[in-house]
Amino acid sequence: MPSGPTGRPATIYDVAARAKLSIATVSRVLQGTGPVSAKARARVDQAAQELNYVPLRAARSLAVQRHEAHGLVLPDLAGPFYGDLLMGYERWAGEHGQSVVITVTHGNPDPRRTVMDLAGRVDGIVVHGNALELPTVQGLRKAGVPVVLIAHPPVTGCDSVRSESAGSAEQLTTRLLDHGRQHLQFVGDPASSYDVSERYAGFAKAHELRGLQAPKPVRVPLTEEAGRTVAEKVLKASNRPDGLVCANDELALAALTTFTANGVRVPEQIVVTGWDDVMAARYVSPGLTTVRQPMAELGRTAAERLHERVTGARTRARNDVLATQLVLRDSCGTDRGR
């Protein structure tokens, strides 16, 4: 729980004392009302963070009543991944009488304040990937807010749900190397998320087990635009790779269509693989080899785990790792039966 000077939950009076400002000024900062100087706002924010202060309505709801609502914090809503995740989450929540309040942190100048305010309107919070910085996640836990993490490394006191990545990435890369590919590139930034870092780790391990040095990743965002840009650079390169192992399907589909539009044959001249198995992967020509991630199940499992913690059905944190599946289609140029 947040702690005031005597060990009790921190109050607005404690924040005011720590910031050396009046209650009125602190209230205006916390409520976002009225004119307040940038210096005063920074002092209040620092004091609230140091005290793990949660708005009174949040503390009251956690101690006395339930809102029958979950908070879902996402880094973005762009791309097909989040649609399936949300569908799985909301379906489970709806079947169990829970509403879902969604917050997107991309472009938010102060996600910590937004999420601490959200904590006052919901019974617990699910955080996807890198939507929040670790200190904010830890602050929620210290404030007594039940937290479940999706696609995030485990954090003490928090449940986590993620899909397996490293093993499947190693299996996919091994298959490409076994079928004669010698100059593979990993497309995606391992620093962008835990999942991508695990996929690159599997890619690198497959090389290392053969005594090969793993190529450095092509660090780009996981977007269609980045996929097109990477493919265009490959087209101009004098020493082209013979395969792109992409961190998601958006990158792979954009690269694949760029190659075919420019007369480069996939998979004869270059192989392309993705990750997620979005709907378009099975309809593009050639069909995209990818790794099927159980996106809807990730959402369902996260909703169930949060409900367990909110209701007290379970008090110990648990870490769920859901299986993924290699899906072989024509873009990898290997015999599907071998």
Protein backbone atom coordinates (compact mmCIF):
# COMPACT_ATOMS: atom_id res chain seq x y z
CA MET A 1 0.00 0.00 0.00
CA PRO A 2 1.12 3.64 -0.41
CA SER A 3 2.70 4.92 2.77
CA GLY A 4 2.45 8.20 4.57
CA PRO A 5 4.78 9.32 7.35
CA THR A 6 3.21 6.94 9.90
CA GLY A 7 2.93 3.92 7.59
CA ARG A 8 -0.74 4.54 6.74
CA PRO A 9 -1.93 5.10 3.15
CA ALA A 10 -0.72 8.42 1.80
CA THR A 11 -3.26 11.25 1.60
CA ILE A 12 -3.41 14.51 -0.28
CA TYR A 13 -2.21 16.19 2.93
CA ASP A 14 0.95 14.07 2.87
CA VAL A 15 1.54 15.02 -0.76
CA ALA A 16 1.09 18.70 0.08
CA ALA A 17 3.50 18.44 3.01
CA ARG A 18 6.12 16.62 0.94
CA ALA A 19 5.79 19.13 -1.93
CA LYS A 20 5.67 22.12 0.47
CA LEU A 21 2.58 23.48 -1.28
CA SER A 22 -0.96 24.30 -0.25
CA ILE A 23 -3.75 21.71 -0.33
CA ALA A 24 -5.54 23.83 -2.94
CA THR A 25 -2.55 23.85 -5.27
CA VAL A 26 -2.00 20.10 -4.90
CA SER A 27 -5.69 19.48 -5.55
CA ARG A 28 -5.60 21.55 -8.75
CA VAL A 29 -2.59 19.58 -10.00
CA LEU A 30 -4.10 16.21 -9.19
CA GLN A 31 -7.49 17.09 -10.64
CA GLY A 32 -6.06 18.90 -13.66
CA THR A 33 -8.11 22.01 -12.94
CA GLY A 34 -7.08 25.64 -12.73
CA PRO A 35 -3.78 27.36 -13.56
CA VAL A 36 -0.67 25.83 -11.95
CA SER A 37 2.96 26.60 -12.65
CA ALA A 38 5.15 23.95 -14.23
CA LYS A 39 7.42 24.04 -11.17
CA ALA A 40 4.52 23.38 -8.79
CA ARG A 41 3.22 20.58 -11.00
CA ALA A 42 6.65 18.92 -11.03
CA ARG A 43 6.89 19.13 -7.21
CA VAL A 44 3.46 17.55 -6.78
CA ASP A 45 4.21 14.81 -9.28
CA GLN A 46 7.48 13.98 -7.55
CA ALA A 47 5.86 13.91 -4.09
CA ALA A 48 2.97 11.74 -5.29
CA GLN A 49 5.39 9.31 -6.91
CA GLU A 50 7.63 9.10 -3.83
CA LEU A 51 4.59 8.39 -1.63
CA ASN A 52 2.90 6.01 -4.12
CA TYR A 53 -0.16 8.20 -3.73
CA VAL A 54 -3.42 6.86 -5.18
CA PRO A 55 -6.48 9.17 -5.43
CA LEU A 56 -8.86 8.73 -2.52
CA ARG A 57 -11.58 7.15 -4.65
CA ALA A 58 -9.13 4.43 -5.66
CA ALA A 59 -8.13 3.68 -2.09
CA ARG A 60 -11.79 3.60 -1.06
CA SER A 61 -12.78 1.29 -3.88
CA LEU A 62 -9.94 -1.10 -3.13
CA ALA A 63 -10.86 -1.26 0.55
CA VAL A 64 -14.64 -1.19 0.49
CA GLN A 65 -16.29 -1.89 -2.84
CA ARG A 66 -15.77 -3.16 -6.33
CA HIS A 67 -16.44 -1.39 -9.58
CA GLU A 68 -16.89 -4.60 -11.60
CA ALA A 69 -14.52 -3.04 -14.12
CA HIS A 70 -11.05 -3.87 -15.43
CA GLY A 71 -8.51 -1.35 -16.71
CA LEU A 72 -6.63 -2.38 -19.85
CA VAL A 73 -3.52 -0.31 -20.65
CA LEU A 74 -2.14 -0.70 -24.18
CA PRO A 75 0.79 1.01 -25.91
CA ASP A 76 -1.25 1.47 -29.10
CA LEU A 77 -4.29 0.23 -31.00
CA ALA A 78 -2.75 0.18 -34.48
CA GLY A 79 -2.34 -3.12 -36.28
CA PRO A 80 -4.29 -6.38 -36.27
CA PHE A 81 -2.72 -7.79 -33.10
CA TYR A 82 -4.72 -5.69 -30.65
CA GLY A 83 -8.09 -6.47 -32.25
CA ASP A 84 -7.85 -10.18 -31.44
CA LEU A 85 -6.40 -9.48 -28.01
CA LEU A 86 -9.26 -7.12 -27.17
CA MET A 87 -11.86 -9.52 -28.52
CA GLY A 88 -10.59 -12.31 -26.27
CA TYR A 89 -10.37 -10.03 -23.25
CA GLU A 90 -13.76 -8.36 -23.61
CA ARG A 91 -15.53 -11.64 -24.36
CA TRP A 92 -14.30 -13.21 -21.13
CA ALA A 93 -14.94 -10.05 -19.12
CA GLY A 94 -18.47 -9.67 -20.53
CA GLU A 95 -19.34 -13.27 -19.73
CA HIS A 96 -18.36 -12.61 -16.12
CA GLY A 97 -20.11 -9.27 -15.70
CA GLN A 98 -17.03 -7.08 -15.97
CA SER A 99 -16.73 -3.92 -18.05
CA VAL A 100 -13.41 -2.89 -19.57
CA VAL A 101 -11.88 0.59 -19.56
CA ILE A 102 -9.14 0.95 -22.19
CA THR A 103 -6.27 3.44 -21.97
CA VAL A 104 -3.68 3.93 -24.72
CA THR A 105 -0.33 5.40 -23.68
CA HIS A 106 1.10 6.22 -27.13
CA GLY A 107 1.30 9.99 -27.38
CA ASN A 108 0.26 10.48 -23.74
CA PRO A 109 2.58 13.05 -22.14
CA ASP A 110 1.99 11.68 -18.63
CA PRO A 111 0.90 8.03 -18.70
CA ARG A 112 1.71 7.53 -15.02
CA ARG A 113 -0.84 10.12 -13.91
CA THR A 114 -3.44 8.75 -16.33
CA VAL A 115 -3.00 5.22 -15.02
CA MET A 116 -3.02 6.20 -11.35
CA ASP A 117 -6.30 8.01 -12.03
CA LEU A 118 -7.59 4.93 -13.86
CA ALA A 119 -6.81 2.90 -10.73
CA GLY A 120 -9.55 4.84 -8.98
CA ARG A 121 -12.21 3.70 -11.46
CA VAL A 122 -11.42 0.00 -11.85
CA ASP A 123 -10.74 -3.02 -9.65
CA GLY A 124 -7.43 -3.93 -11.25
CA ILE A 125 -5.25 -3.19 -14.24
CA VAL A 126 -3.82 -5.23 -17.12
CA VAL A 127 -0.74 -3.75 -18.82
CA HIS A 128 0.44 -4.86 -22.24
CA GLY A 129 4.12 -4.89 -23.16
CA ASN A 130 5.93 -1.61 -22.74
CA ALA A 131 2.80 0.52 -22.31
CA LEU A 132 4.11 1.61 -18.90
CA GLU A 133 7.57 2.01 -17.46
CA LEU A 134 8.56 -0.47 -14.77
CA PRO A 135 8.51 2.08 -11.88
CA THR A 136 4.87 2.87 -12.71
CA VAL A 137 3.95 -0.82 -12.67
CA GLN A 138 5.73 -1.23 -9.35
CA GLY A 139 3.98 1.87 -8.02
CA LEU A 140 0.59 0.33 -8.82
CA ARG A 141 1.53 -2.80 -6.90
CA LYS A 142 2.77 -0.81 -3.91
CA ALA A 143 -0.56 1.03 -3.98
CA GLY A 144 -2.37 -2.30 -3.63
CA VAL A 145 -3.74 -2.38 -7.18
CA PRO A 146 -3.99 -5.91 -8.68
CA VAL A 147 -1.85 -5.98 -11.83
CA VAL A 148 -1.55 -8.50 -14.66
CA LEU A 149 1.12 -8.09 -17.34
CA ILE A 150 0.82 -9.29 -20.94
CA ALA A 151 3.94 -9.88 -23.08
CA HIS A 152 6.15 -8.56 -20.32
CA PRO A 153 8.90 -10.13 -18.23
CA PRO A 154 7.68 -11.22 -14.77
CA VAL A 155 7.53 -8.57 -12.04
CA THR A 156 7.39 -9.46 -8.35
CA GLY A 157 3.80 -9.46 -7.11
CA CYS A 158 2.24 -9.25 -10.57
CA ASP A 159 0.67 -12.02 -12.64
CA SER A 160 2.03 -12.29 -16.17
CA VAL A 161 0.71 -13.87 -19.36
CA ARG A 162 2.83 -14.23 -22.48
CA SER A 163 3.26 -16.50 -25.46
CA GLU A 164 6.36 -18.61 -26.02
CA SER A 165 8.77 -16.93 -28.44
CA ALA A 166 12.39 -18.04 -28.24
CA GLY A 167 11.82 -21.74 -28.93
CA SER A 168 9.57 -21.15 -31.94
CA ALA A 169 11.94 -18.56 -33.37
CA GLU A 170 14.81 -21.02 -33.03
CA GLN A 171 12.73 -23.75 -34.72
CA LEU A 172 11.81 -21.47 -37.62
CA THR A 173 15.36 -20.21 -38.13
CA THR A 174 16.77 -23.73 -37.90
CA ARG A 175 14.41 -24.85 -40.64
CA LEU A 176 15.56 -22.05 -42.95
CA LEU A 177 19.23 -22.81 -42.29
CA ASP A 178 18.63 -26.53 -42.82
CA HIS A 179 17.20 -25.72 -46.26
CA GLY A 180 20.30 -23.86 -47.40
CA ARG A 181 19.68 -20.26 -46.41
CA GLN A 182 23.01 -18.70 -45.45
CA HIS A 183 22.41 -14.97 -45.12
CA LEU A 184 19.33 -14.37 -43.00
CA GLN A 185 18.37 -11.02 -41.50
CA PHE A 186 16.21 -10.52 -38.43
CA VAL A 187 13.90 -7.54 -38.97
CA GLY A 188 12.61 -5.81 -35.83
CA ASP A 189 14.06 -4.09 -32.78
CA PRO A 190 14.71 -6.43 -29.80
CA ALA A 191 14.77 -3.38 -27.53
CA SER A 192 11.18 -2.51 -28.45
CA SER A 193 9.53 -5.29 -26.43
CA TYR A 194 10.18 -8.42 -24.42
CA ASP A 195 8.55 -10.60 -27.08
CA VAL A 196 10.76 -9.27 -29.88
CA SER A 197 13.87 -9.70 -27.74
CA GLU A 198 12.91 -13.35 -27.20
CA ARG A 199 12.34 -13.86 -30.93
CA TYR A 200 15.75 -12.47 -31.74
CA ALA A 201 17.28 -14.65 -29.01
CA GLY A 202 15.83 -17.74 -30.71
CA PHE A 203 17.06 -16.54 -34.10
CA ALA A 204 20.55 -15.99 -32.66
CA LYS A 205 20.63 -19.36 -30.87
CA ALA A 206 19.84 -21.24 -34.10
CA HIS A 207 22.91 -19.64 -35.67
CA GLU A 208 25.14 -20.18 -32.65
CA LEU A 209 24.29 -23.89 -32.49
CA ARG A 210 25.78 -24.17 -35.98
CA GLY A 211 28.89 -22.29 -35.05
CA LEU A 212 27.66 -19.23 -36.96
CA GLN A 213 27.73 -15.66 -35.77
CA ALA A 214 24.20 -14.29 -35.57
CA PRO A 215 23.70 -11.22 -37.76
CA LYS A 216 22.79 -8.06 -35.93
CA PRO A 217 19.07 -7.23 -36.11
CA VAL A 218 17.68 -4.65 -38.50
CA ARG A 219 16.23 -2.36 -35.84
CA VAL A 220 12.97 -0.92 -37.14
CA PRO A 221 9.45 -0.37 -35.75
CA LEU A 222 6.94 -3.20 -36.26
CA THR A 223 4.97 -1.38 -38.97
CA GLU A 224 4.05 -1.82 -42.62
CA GLU A 225 5.97 1.32 -43.53
CA ALA A 226 9.13 -0.05 -41.94
CA GLY A 227 8.66 -3.36 -43.78
CA ARG A 228 8.45 -1.56 -47.12
CA THR A 229 11.51 0.52 -46.30
CA VAL A 230 13.56 -2.54 -45.39
CA ALA A 231 12.52 -4.33 -48.59
CA GLU A 232 13.38 -1.29 -50.71
CA LYS A 233 16.86 -1.19 -49.17
CA VAL A 234 17.31 -4.90 -49.86
CA LEU A 235 16.34 -4.30 -53.51
CA LYS A 236 19.11 -1.72 -53.82
CA ALA A 237 21.75 -3.73 -51.97
CA SER A 238 24.61 -5.32 -53.91
CA ASN A 239 24.89 -8.14 -51.36
CA ARG A 240 21.31 -9.14 -50.65
CA PRO A 241 20.25 -11.41 -47.78
CA ASP A 242 18.55 -14.63 -48.84
CA GLY A 243 15.89 -14.42 -46.15
CA LEU A 244 14.06 -11.98 -43.87
CA VAL A 245 12.90 -13.30 -40.51
CA CYS A 246 10.46 -10.59 -39.46
CA ALA A 247 9.35 -9.92 -35.89
CA ASN A 248 5.70 -9.62 -36.89
CA ASP A 249 3.39 -10.17 -39.86
CA GLU A 250 2.99 -6.47 -40.65
CA LEU A 251 6.69 -6.18 -41.44
CA ALA A 252 6.70 -9.45 -43.36
CA LEU A 253 3.60 -8.76 -45.45
CA ALA A 254 4.85 -5.32 -46.44
CA ALA A 255 8.26 -6.72 -47.39
CA LEU A 256 6.76 -9.63 -49.32
CA THR A 257 4.42 -7.47 -51.39
CA THR A 258 7.23 -4.98 -52.10
CA PHE A 259 9.46 -7.77 -53.41
CA THR A 260 6.78 -9.29 -55.65
CA ALA A 261 5.80 -5.85 -56.98
CA ASN A 262 9.42 -5.35 -58.04
CA GLY A 263 9.84 -8.71 -59.73
CA VAL A 264 11.74 -10.45 -56.95
CA ARG A 265 10.48 -14.01 -56.60
CA VAL A 266 9.53 -15.20 -53.13
CA PRO A 267 10.72 -17.74 -52.02
CA GLU A 268 13.02 -18.59 -54.98
CA GLN A 269 15.20 -15.48 -54.61
CA ILE A 270 14.47 -14.54 -51.01
CA VAL A 271 12.37 -16.08 -48.25
CA VAL A 272 10.16 -14.03 -45.94
CA THR A 273 8.64 -15.11 -42.61
CA GLY A 274 6.50 -13.32 -40.06
CA TRP A 275 5.01 -13.72 -36.60
CA ASP A 276 1.39 -13.68 -35.27
CA ASP A 277 -0.52 -15.37 -38.14
CA VAL A 278 -2.92 -12.53 -38.87
CA MET A 279 -5.71 -13.23 -41.34
CA ALA A 280 -3.91 -11.68 -44.31
CA ALA A 281 -1.00 -14.10 -43.90
CA ARG A 282 -3.02 -17.00 -45.31
CA TYR A 283 -4.45 -15.09 -48.28
CA VAL A 284 -1.41 -13.26 -49.63
CA SER A 285 0.46 -14.94 -52.51
CA PRO A 286 2.71 -16.67 -51.76
CA GLY A 287 1.20 -17.58 -48.40
CA LEU A 288 3.22 -16.21 -45.50
CA THR A 289 5.11 -18.63 -43.26
CA THR A 290 4.69 -17.36 -39.72
CA VAL A 291 4.30 -18.33 -36.07
CA ARG A 292 0.75 -18.47 -34.79
CA GLN A 293 0.36 -16.58 -31.56
CA PRO A 294 -2.79 -17.25 -29.48
CA MET A 295 -3.79 -13.60 -29.35
CA ALA A 296 -7.42 -14.05 -28.26
CA GLU A 297 -6.35 -16.59 -25.64
CA LEU A 298 -3.80 -14.11 -24.28
CA GLY A 299 -6.66 -11.68 -23.73
CA ARG A 300 -8.95 -14.28 -22.17
CA THR A 301 -6.27 -15.58 -19.84
CA ALA A 302 -5.28 -12.10 -18.69
CA ALA A 303 -8.91 -11.23 -17.91
CA GLU A 304 -9.33 -14.44 -15.92
CA ARG A 305 -6.10 -13.93 -13.96
CA LEU A 306 -7.05 -10.37 -13.02
CA HIS A 307 -10.51 -11.49 -11.89
CA GLU A 308 -8.91 -14.14 -9.68
CA ARG A 309 -6.74 -11.56 -7.97
CA VAL A 310 -9.53 -9.00 -7.58
CA THR A 311 -11.94 -11.51 -6.02
CA GLY A 312 -9.30 -13.06 -3.77
CA ALA A 313 -9.67 -16.47 -5.39
CA ARG A 314 -5.88 -16.52 -5.62
CA THR A 315 -3.29 -14.47 -3.73
CA ARG A 316 -0.02 -15.70 -5.17
CA ALA A 317 1.22 -14.38 -8.50
CA ARG A 318 1.50 -16.82 -11.39
CA ASN A 319 3.22 -16.64 -14.77
CA ASP A 320 1.45 -18.24 -17.74
CA VAL A 321 3.33 -19.04 -20.96
CA LEU A 322 1.03 -19.99 -23.85
CA ALA A 323 2.22 -22.21 -26.68
CA THR A 324 2.85 -20.88 -30.18
CA GLN A 325 2.80 -22.85 -33.44
CA LEU A 326 4.98 -22.72 -36.55
CA VAL A 327 2.76 -22.32 -39.63
CA LEU A 328 4.53 -23.31 -42.84
CA ARG A 329 3.35 -21.72 -46.08
CA ASP A 330 5.00 -21.06 -49.43
CA SER A 331 7.00 -17.92 -48.55
CA CYS A 332 9.72 -19.89 -46.75
CA GLY A 333 10.47 -22.24 -49.65
CA THR A 334 10.79 -25.39 -47.57
CA ASP A 335 9.00 -28.69 -47.91
CA ARG A 336 6.13 -28.50 -45.41
CA GLY A 337 6.34 -32.17 -44.67
CA ARG A 338 9.99 -32.11 -43.66
